[in-house]
Protein backbone atom coordinates (compact mmCIF):
# COMPACT_ATOMS: atom_id res chain seq x y z
CA THR A 1 34.80 14.90 -48.41
CA MET A 2 35.03 17.34 -45.64
CA THR A 3 35.46 14.64 -42.97
CA ALA A 4 38.43 13.31 -44.78
CA ASN A 5 40.87 14.89 -43.67
CA ALA A 6 39.39 16.86 -40.63
CA PRO A 7 41.50 16.96 -37.61
CA ARG A 8 40.31 14.61 -34.42
CA ASP A 9 38.38 15.84 -31.19
CA LYS A 10 41.64 15.36 -29.21
CA TYR A 11 40.65 13.78 -25.54
CA ASN A 12 37.33 14.80 -26.55
CA ALA A 13 37.67 18.40 -25.11
CA VAL A 14 35.17 20.09 -27.91
CA TRP A 15 32.33 16.96 -27.06
CA ILE A 16 33.02 18.07 -23.25
CA ILE A 17 32.92 21.47 -23.65
CA PHE A 18 29.20 20.89 -25.81
CA PHE A 19 28.42 18.75 -22.64
CA ILE A 20 29.03 21.48 -20.13
CA LEU A 21 27.85 24.43 -21.94
CA GLY A 22 24.32 21.83 -22.39
CA LEU A 23 24.36 21.66 -18.47
CA GLY A 24 24.73 25.32 -18.03
CA THR A 25 21.40 25.97 -20.26
CA LEU A 26 19.04 24.19 -18.20
CA LEU A 27 21.01 23.44 -14.94
CA PRO A 28 20.22 27.50 -13.52
CA TRP A 29 16.42 27.14 -14.72
CA ASN A 30 16.27 23.55 -13.58
CA PHE A 31 17.39 24.91 -9.80
CA PHE A 32 15.18 28.14 -9.73
CA MET A 33 11.99 25.49 -10.44
CA THR A 34 13.19 23.19 -7.42
CA ALA A 35 13.06 26.21 -5.14
CA THR A 36 9.34 27.41 -5.87
CA MET A 37 8.85 26.02 -2.60
CA TYR A 38 11.04 28.81 -1.15
CA PHE A 39 9.72 31.26 -3.40
CA THR A 40 6.36 30.78 -2.34
CA SER A 41 7.34 30.70 1.68
CA ARG A 42 8.56 34.38 0.48
CA LEU A 43 5.41 35.35 -0.59
CA LYS A 44 3.17 34.22 2.64
CA ASP A 45 2.26 37.08 5.07
CA PRO A 46 1.99 35.78 8.53
CA PRO A 47 -0.92 38.11 9.13
CA THR A 48 -3.33 36.88 6.64
CA ASP A 49 -2.55 33.49 7.44
CA VAL A 50 -3.90 33.89 11.03
CA LEU A 51 -7.22 35.73 9.71
CA PHE A 52 -7.52 32.56 7.24
CA ASN A 53 -6.86 29.91 9.80
CA GLN A 54 -9.76 31.40 12.40
CA THR A 55 -12.60 32.41 9.67
CA THR A 56 -12.06 28.82 7.54
CA ASN A 57 -12.29 27.29 11.66
CA GLY A 58 -9.09 25.07 10.86
CA THR A 59 -10.65 23.26 7.26
CA GLU A 60 -7.64 23.88 5.32
CA GLU A 61 -8.81 23.78 1.61
CA ASP A 62 -6.74 24.33 -1.41
CA GLY A 63 -6.02 28.35 -1.62
CA ASP A 64 -7.75 29.14 2.12
CA THR A 65 -4.35 29.29 3.85
CA ARG A 66 -2.56 30.65 0.97
CA ASN A 67 -2.81 34.49 -0.09
CA VAL A 68 -3.18 35.65 -3.84
CA LEU A 69 0.73 36.04 -4.76
CA GLU A 70 1.17 32.73 -3.00
CA SER A 71 -1.47 30.80 -5.05
CA LYS A 72 -0.82 32.71 -8.21
CA PHE A 73 3.10 31.97 -8.54
CA ASN A 74 3.11 29.07 -10.74
CA ASN A 75 0.74 30.43 -13.25
CA VAL A 76 2.76 33.61 -13.14
CA MET A 77 6.15 32.07 -13.17
CA THR A 78 4.92 29.21 -15.84
CA LEU A 79 3.91 32.71 -18.06
CA CYS A 80 6.97 34.58 -17.37
CA ALA A 81 9.32 31.72 -18.05
CA MET A 82 7.50 30.60 -21.58
CA VAL A 83 6.42 33.66 -23.30
CA PRO A 84 9.90 35.27 -23.33
CA LEU A 85 11.27 31.83 -23.95
CA LEU A 86 9.33 31.83 -27.03
CA ILE A 87 9.89 35.19 -28.36
CA PHE A 88 13.85 35.44 -27.77
CA THR A 89 14.19 31.60 -29.49
CA CYS A 90 12.53 33.21 -32.47
CA LEU A 91 14.03 36.24 -32.27
CA ASN A 92 17.97 34.30 -32.35
CA SER A 93 16.80 32.74 -35.79
CA PHE A 94 16.89 35.90 -37.54
CA ILE A 95 19.66 37.93 -35.54
CA HIS A 96 22.06 35.27 -35.63
CA GLN A 97 23.26 36.55 -38.36
CA ARG A 98 23.23 39.87 -37.06
CA ILE A 99 24.73 39.35 -33.45
CA PRO A 100 28.49 37.79 -33.46
CA GLN A 101 27.86 34.11 -31.82
CA LYS A 102 30.42 35.35 -29.25
CA LEU A 103 28.97 38.21 -27.78
CA ARG A 104 25.17 35.85 -27.84
CA ILE A 105 26.70 32.62 -26.04
CA SER A 106 29.17 34.80 -23.58
CA GLY A 107 26.85 37.68 -23.02
CA SER A 108 23.38 35.67 -22.16
CA LEU A 109 25.69 33.62 -19.52
CA THR A 110 26.78 36.50 -17.92
CA VAL A 111 23.57 38.05 -17.52
CA ILE A 112 22.40 34.47 -16.49
CA PHE A 113 25.00 34.84 -13.76
CA VAL A 114 24.72 37.91 -12.74
CA VAL A 115 20.57 37.51 -11.97
CA PHE A 116 21.81 34.09 -9.76
CA LEU A 117 24.40 35.61 -7.63
CA LEU A 118 21.52 38.43 -7.12
CA THR A 119 18.76 35.68 -6.33
CA ALA A 120 21.60 33.84 -3.60
CA ILE A 121 22.10 37.32 -2.01
CA LEU A 122 18.56 37.54 -1.77
CA VAL A 123 18.03 34.78 0.23
CA ARG A 124 19.75 36.54 2.99
CA VAL A 125 17.95 39.93 2.65
CA ASP A 126 14.56 40.28 4.20
CA VAL A 127 12.61 41.75 1.09
CA ALA A 128 8.52 42.29 1.81
CA PRO A 129 6.28 40.01 -0.83
CA LEU A 130 5.07 41.96 -3.21
CA PRO A 131 8.14 43.61 -4.28
CA PHE A 132 9.54 39.99 -3.70
CA PHE A 133 7.30 38.45 -6.17
CA THR A 134 7.62 41.69 -9.14
CA LEU A 135 11.74 40.94 -8.63
CA THR A 136 11.40 37.31 -8.75
CA MET A 137 9.12 37.21 -11.68
CA ILE A 138 11.83 39.76 -13.57
CA LYS A 139 14.24 37.38 -12.84
CA ILE A 140 12.38 34.91 -14.32
CA ILE A 141 11.75 36.88 -17.41
CA CYS A 142 15.47 37.88 -17.70
CA ILE A 143 16.27 33.84 -17.08
CA ASN A 144 14.37 32.57 -19.84
CA SER A 145 14.96 35.21 -22.36
CA PHE A 146 18.75 35.05 -21.94
CA GLY A 147 18.52 31.51 -21.97
CA ALA A 148 16.39 30.96 -25.18
CA ILE A 149 19.18 33.43 -27.12
CA LEU A 150 21.67 30.86 -25.26
CA GLN A 151 20.29 27.87 -26.47
CA GLY A 152 19.08 28.89 -30.01
CA SER A 153 22.74 29.92 -30.69
CA LEU A 154 24.19 26.43 -28.87
CA PHE A 155 21.89 24.21 -30.82
CA GLY A 156 22.91 27.15 -34.22
CA LEU A 157 26.62 26.53 -33.32
CA ALA A 158 26.66 22.40 -32.46
CA GLY A 159 24.27 22.45 -36.25
CA MET A 160 27.45 23.22 -37.83
CA LEU A 161 29.82 20.25 -36.49
CA PRO A 162 29.14 16.55 -37.19
CA ALA A 163 25.81 15.49 -36.05
CA SER A 164 26.91 13.70 -33.01
CA TYR A 165 27.83 17.02 -31.50
CA THR A 166 24.20 17.68 -30.53
CA THR A 167 24.26 14.72 -28.24
CA PRO A 168 26.74 16.34 -25.47
CA ILE A 169 24.24 19.74 -25.57
CA MET A 170 21.20 17.56 -24.78
CA SER A 171 22.75 15.43 -22.42
CA GLY A 172 24.22 17.60 -20.71
CA GLN A 173 20.91 19.24 -20.38
CA GLY A 174 19.26 16.08 -18.83
CA LEU A 175 21.94 15.99 -16.44
CA ALA A 176 21.20 19.45 -15.51
CA GLY A 177 17.54 17.78 -14.65
CA THR A 178 18.89 15.05 -12.72
CA PHE A 179 21.25 16.68 -10.70
CA ALA A 180 18.27 19.51 -9.42
CA ALA A 181 16.14 16.68 -8.52
CA PHE A 182 18.63 14.98 -6.94
CA SER A 183 19.00 17.75 -4.77
CA MET A 184 15.91 18.34 -4.00
CA ILE A 185 15.48 14.68 -2.41
CA CYS A 186 19.05 15.07 -0.76
CA ALA A 187 17.47 18.75 0.79
CA LEU A 188 14.32 17.06 2.08
CA ALA A 189 16.88 13.86 3.73
CA SER A 190 18.55 16.38 5.17
CA GLY A 191 15.67 18.37 6.61
CA SER A 192 17.62 21.64 6.11
CA ALA A 193 15.72 24.88 5.88
CA LEU A 194 13.99 25.69 3.09
CA GLN A 195 16.14 29.42 2.50
CA ASP A 196 19.37 27.12 3.32
CA SER A 197 18.69 24.95 0.66
CA ALA A 198 17.56 27.29 -1.86
CA PHE A 199 21.12 29.22 -0.92
CA GLY A 200 22.92 25.91 -1.89
CA TYR A 201 21.11 25.85 -5.91
CA PHE A 202 22.07 29.62 -6.40
CA ILE A 203 25.53 29.06 -5.56
CA THR A 204 26.10 26.22 -7.30
CA ALA A 205 23.72 27.12 -10.45
CA CYS A 206 26.49 30.32 -10.27
CA VAL A 207 29.63 27.56 -10.60
CA VAL A 208 28.25 25.80 -13.03
CA ILE A 209 27.44 28.87 -15.14
CA LEU A 210 31.43 30.31 -14.37
CA LEU A 211 32.71 26.45 -15.20
CA ALA A 212 30.25 27.42 -18.74
CA ILE A 213 31.46 30.64 -19.36
CA MET A 214 35.59 29.60 -19.02
CA SER A 215 34.61 26.26 -20.86
CA TYR A 216 33.37 28.35 -23.90
CA LEU A 217 36.27 30.89 -23.85
CA ILE A 218 38.69 28.05 -24.28
CA LEU A 219 36.14 26.11 -27.47
CA PRO A 220 38.01 28.52 -30.39
CA ARG A 221 41.40 27.28 -29.39
CA MET A 222 40.71 23.74 -30.29
CA GLU A 223 41.98 22.88 -33.59
CA PHE A 224 39.01 20.42 -34.84
CA PHE A 225 36.32 23.48 -34.07
CA GLN A 226 38.54 25.82 -35.72
CA TYR A 227 38.42 23.75 -38.73
CA TYR A 228 34.76 23.25 -38.96
CA MET A 229 34.49 26.81 -38.24
CA GLU A 230 36.44 28.08 -41.08
CA ASN A 231 35.04 25.29 -43.34
CA ASN A 232 31.59 26.67 -42.55
CA GLY A 233 32.76 30.35 -43.77
CA SER A 234 33.98 29.17 -47.08
CA ARG A 235 30.66 27.23 -48.02
CA ALA A 236 28.98 30.06 -46.94
CA ALA A 237 30.74 32.08 -49.34
CA ALA A 238 30.79 30.08 -52.08
CA ALA A 239 26.92 29.58 -51.47
CA ASP A 240 26.62 33.28 -51.68
CA GLU A 241 28.35 33.62 -54.72
CA GLU A 242 25.78 31.30 -56.12
CA ASN A 243 22.54 33.77 -55.35
CA LYS A 244 24.31 36.29 -56.77
CA MET A 245 24.89 34.41 -60.20
CA ASP A 246 21.44 33.58 -59.91
CA LEU A 247 20.10 36.93 -59.33
CA LEU A 248 22.12 38.75 -62.04
CA LYS A 249 20.86 35.78 -64.38
CA LYS A 250 17.63 36.71 -63.54
CA GLY A 251 18.48 40.18 -64.01
CA GLU A 252 19.48 39.76 -67.25
CA CYS A 253 16.53 37.92 -68.12
CA LEU A 254 14.47 40.92 -67.01
CA ASP A 255 16.40 43.31 -68.03
CA ILE A 256 16.22 45.38 -65.01
CA GLN A 257 18.31 45.20 -62.01
CA ASP A 258 14.89 46.38 -59.29
CA PRO A 259 17.20 47.36 -56.33
CA VAL A 260 14.14 46.13 -54.48
CA SER A 261 14.00 42.61 -54.67
CA THR A 262 17.56 42.33 -54.70
CA LYS A 263 17.30 43.79 -51.30
CA MET A 264 14.75 41.70 -50.19
CA ASN A 265 16.65 38.85 -51.58
CA ASN A 266 19.39 39.56 -48.94
CA TYR A 267 16.98 39.57 -46.09
CA ARG A 268 14.51 36.62 -47.41
CA ILE A 269 13.55 33.90 -44.89
CA PRO A 270 16.30 31.31 -45.60
CA PRO A 271 14.85 28.35 -47.92
CA VAL A 272 16.06 26.15 -44.36
CA LEU A 273 12.07 25.73 -44.00
CA SER A 274 11.54 24.91 -47.27
CA ASN A 275 13.34 21.74 -46.93
CA GLN A 276 12.82 18.83 -45.35
CA ILE A 277 13.62 19.95 -41.87
CA TRP A 278 9.98 20.67 -41.33
CA VAL A 279 9.39 16.70 -40.05
CA MET A 280 12.46 17.24 -37.41
CA ALA A 281 10.85 20.32 -36.23
CA LEU A 282 7.40 19.44 -36.10
CA SER A 283 8.33 16.21 -34.00
CA VAL A 284 10.82 18.05 -31.53
CA CYS A 285 7.88 20.21 -31.35
CA PHE A 286 5.38 17.63 -30.44
CA ILE A 287 7.35 15.49 -28.59
CA PHE A 288 7.78 18.05 -26.04
CA THR A 289 4.06 19.34 -26.07
CA VAL A 290 3.22 15.82 -24.93
CA THR A 291 5.84 15.97 -22.04
CA ILE A 292 5.43 19.17 -20.30
CA GLY A 293 1.42 18.99 -21.04
CA THR A 294 1.39 15.76 -18.56
CA PHE A 295 4.55 16.21 -16.73
CA PRO A 296 4.96 17.48 -13.92
CA ALA A 297 1.45 19.23 -13.85
CA VAL A 298 -1.15 15.82 -13.91
CA THR A 299 2.40 13.54 -12.92
CA VAL A 300 3.03 15.23 -9.62
CA GLU A 301 -0.20 15.23 -8.60
CA VAL A 302 -0.34 11.05 -8.44
CA LYS A 303 -1.21 9.85 -4.70
CA SER A 304 1.00 6.38 -4.15
CA THR A 305 -1.56 3.67 -3.30
CA VAL A 306 1.08 1.42 -1.73
CA ALA A 307 2.14 3.79 1.44
CA ASP A 308 0.72 4.67 4.41
CA GLY A 309 2.03 7.32 5.48
CA GLY A 310 5.66 6.92 6.04
CA ALA A 311 8.99 7.61 4.29
CA TRP A 312 7.76 6.14 1.00
CA ASP A 313 4.76 9.15 1.09
CA THR A 314 6.86 11.86 1.06
CA TYR A 315 9.77 10.57 -1.36
CA PHE A 316 6.70 9.07 -3.93
CA ILE A 317 7.02 11.89 -6.29
CA PRO A 318 10.39 12.86 -5.50
CA VAL A 319 11.59 9.80 -6.23
CA SER A 320 9.37 8.60 -8.83
CA CYS A 321 8.10 11.65 -10.60
CA PHE A 322 10.96 13.67 -10.55
CA LEU A 323 14.36 11.74 -10.28
CA LEU A 324 13.44 9.07 -12.38
CA PHE A 325 12.15 11.09 -14.97
CA ASN A 326 15.16 13.22 -15.50
CA LEU A 327 17.38 10.08 -14.75
CA MET A 328 15.76 8.14 -17.67
CA ASP A 329 15.47 11.41 -19.84
CA TRP A 330 19.04 11.85 -19.72
CA ALA A 331 19.54 8.02 -20.17
CA GLY A 332 17.46 8.58 -23.44
CA ARG A 333 19.52 11.92 -24.64
CA SER A 334 22.73 10.54 -23.75
CA LEU A 335 22.52 6.68 -25.76
CA THR A 336 22.13 8.71 -28.98
CA ALA A 337 26.00 9.20 -28.90
CA VAL A 338 25.59 5.32 -29.89
CA CYS A 339 22.89 4.80 -31.34
CA MET A 340 21.17 6.48 -33.84
CA TRP A 341 18.05 4.45 -34.52
CA PRO A 342 15.82 5.21 -36.94
CA GLY A 343 17.69 7.02 -39.76
CA LYS A 344 17.22 10.81 -40.38
CA ASP A 345 15.00 9.73 -43.21
CA SER A 346 13.35 7.10 -41.47
CA ILE A 347 9.61 7.26 -41.19
CA TRP A 348 9.77 5.65 -38.09
CA LEU A 349 10.53 8.54 -36.35
CA PRO A 350 7.68 10.79 -36.94
CA VAL A 351 5.40 7.55 -36.15
CA LEU A 352 7.12 6.91 -33.02
CA VAL A 353 7.28 10.47 -31.84
CA GLY A 354 2.60 10.45 -32.56
CA LEU A 355 2.69 7.23 -30.69
CA ARG A 356 3.88 9.34 -27.33
CA VAL A 357 0.67 10.56 -27.03
CA VAL A 358 -0.18 7.03 -25.69
CA PHE A 359 0.76 8.81 -22.53
CA ILE A 360 -1.57 11.12 -22.13
CA PRO A 361 -4.48 9.04 -21.23
CA LEU A 362 -2.29 6.36 -19.39
CA PHE A 363 -1.04 8.98 -16.65
CA MET A 364 -4.75 10.24 -16.26
CA LEU A 365 -5.91 6.79 -15.59
CA CYS A 366 -3.38 6.60 -12.84
CA ASN A 367 -4.42 7.76 -9.20
CA VAL A 368 -4.30 11.36 -9.76
CA GLN A 369 -6.05 13.26 -7.20
CA PRO A 370 -8.63 14.96 -6.40
CA ARG A 371 -10.10 13.96 -9.78
CA HIS A 372 -14.08 14.38 -11.13
CA TYR A 373 -14.82 12.94 -14.29
CA LEU A 374 -12.01 9.56 -15.15
CA PRO A 375 -12.10 6.37 -13.25
CA VAL A 376 -8.67 5.29 -11.87
CA LEU A 377 -7.59 2.50 -14.10
CA PHE A 378 -3.83 1.62 -13.02
CA ALA A 379 -4.03 2.63 -9.02
CA HIS A 380 -1.23 0.14 -8.25
CA ASP A 381 2.22 2.58 -8.09
CA ALA A 382 4.48 0.14 -10.52
CA TRP A 383 1.89 0.97 -12.83
CA TYR A 384 2.83 5.05 -12.75
CA ILE A 385 6.55 3.89 -12.63
CA ILE A 386 6.61 1.96 -15.56
CA PHE A 387 5.03 4.34 -17.83
CA MET A 388 7.28 7.29 -16.40
CA ILE A 389 10.59 4.58 -17.58
CA PHE A 390 8.92 4.71 -21.24
CA PHE A 391 7.74 8.17 -21.26
CA SER A 392 10.75 10.26 -20.10
CA PHE A 393 13.12 7.42 -22.18
CA SER A 394 11.22 8.29 -25.40
CA ASN A 395 11.29 12.01 -24.42
CA GLY A 396 14.89 11.89 -23.91
CA TYR A 397 16.08 9.31 -27.17
CA LEU A 398 13.57 10.90 -29.69
CA ALA A 399 14.71 14.68 -29.00
CA SER A 400 17.88 13.98 -29.04
CA LEU A 401 17.08 12.11 -32.27
CA CYS A 402 15.51 15.25 -34.09
CA MET A 403 17.72 17.77 -32.76
CA CYS A 404 20.86 16.08 -34.08
CA PHE A 405 19.04 15.15 -37.47
CA GLY A 406 17.14 18.36 -37.97
CA PRO A 407 20.48 20.50 -39.11
CA LYS A 408 22.05 17.99 -41.41
CA LYS A 409 18.55 17.99 -43.61
CA VAL A 410 20.16 21.29 -44.80
CA PRO A 411 23.02 22.36 -47.13
CA GLN A 412 26.04 22.62 -44.64
CA HIS A 413 25.93 26.47 -45.11
CA GLU A 414 22.68 26.67 -43.43
CA ALA A 415 23.60 24.35 -40.72
CA GLU A 416 23.51 27.10 -37.96
CA THR A 417 20.19 28.77 -39.01
CA ALA A 418 18.60 25.18 -38.84
CA GLY A 419 20.47 24.80 -35.27
CA ALA A 420 18.63 27.66 -34.32
CA ILE A 421 14.97 26.78 -35.82
CA MET A 422 14.87 23.15 -34.50
CA ALA A 423 15.74 25.35 -30.66
CA PHE A 424 12.74 27.49 -31.70
CA PHE A 425 10.41 24.02 -32.05
CA LEU A 426 11.84 23.01 -29.01
CA SER A 427 10.67 25.94 -27.13
CA LEU A 428 7.21 26.24 -29.16
CA GLY A 429 7.12 22.57 -27.85
CA LEU A 430 7.05 23.50 -24.16
CA ALA A 431 4.63 26.31 -24.41
CA LEU A 432 2.45 24.56 -25.86
CA GLY A 433 2.75 21.68 -23.61
CA ALA A 434 2.92 24.65 -20.61
CA ALA A 435 -0.51 25.66 -22.53
CA VAL A 436 -2.52 22.22 -23.10
CA SER A 437 -1.56 21.24 -19.14
CA PHE A 438 -4.35 23.01 -17.98
CA ALA A 439 -6.46 21.36 -19.73
CA PHE A 440 -5.39 17.95 -19.32
CA ARG A 441 -5.23 18.41 -15.21
CA ALA A 442 -9.16 19.83 -15.70
CA MET A 443 -10.48 16.78 -17.19
CA ILE A 444 -9.10 14.46 -14.80
């Protein structure tokens, strides 16, 4: 077998590199989202604020004190993030044969680095609200387009290595969320100005991206990595030969060598999807649809019933929603390094994935405020925290399992395509989740 004479991953170096690359794919975007308050504060127009306050006689209802740019920021941001993410992850499933992986990964990281450097510089530069809004949206489109190619390429790359090498990417991504949530709480606690904390986020993101670029450049020097890349190349060549032989046989039978069909065959959609991979692909899509449908759109609106003002009110959502979610999600993603139950052919995996749907009504029946239609069944904060623990842990663990198993459902030489396809379904789940989150919030 292939693994019998495979070299060892010395000092787990390749594992660590994939972890850093996973961190590098999501930390920048997480910090960008953590800084939304900074972005919306830059969109305030002092004159209109005064106007609004006078006209509404001091009643500050939602949307009254916020101008158009500010109130539309989150929706437009979601749109500018999800659409490019989907388009480019999809493109990556096809272009990965055309554009070398080195260019895709290091190129994407470089573009994202430049965008964050620009964002950090802009913190210190005064820009009028409208151009600032436009610039920010262009940057969001850039980050997500190149982030999609980066993530798709990375899962494709890990697909060629043993299954456990997808875990460090998932785990690194989980740490990114935890790191961002923790930074948000530190910024709250230190009471530092929005500008200062935002500047800190963007500079940290720059440092992490540089670290990711450096580790990616070291990767080809690793004997362990070289072995799997060469092995993959030779297998692909063998499979190619096999396809050519099949074509020739068919050509002889029909006594024609139709150049069109031969050409079409070179560009055909890989048979990857016809294999069993679709169970894993749909599972990962469903996991993220449920997760993003409820978190953060619904979960962030839950009000504490225990606290009467004071510190717990301030920290309730940052701690029990963001930090707790990211910590447990990270724990779930990382657990797949030691435990991979249920197995890749087990019926239990899709069943467990389907059962997560129960979290949607559970969170809706927590103390989400304001509400119009549904009663509050789980008023106490403890319910919310318990649901959050199971919700986030199952998200990380099951998603990581699916991403690890997906590429293993196909022949070795198609593993890279399979990894890219899995990444596409992951992004599709994020986009669908973002779309249904509006409906879920409106039903409450």
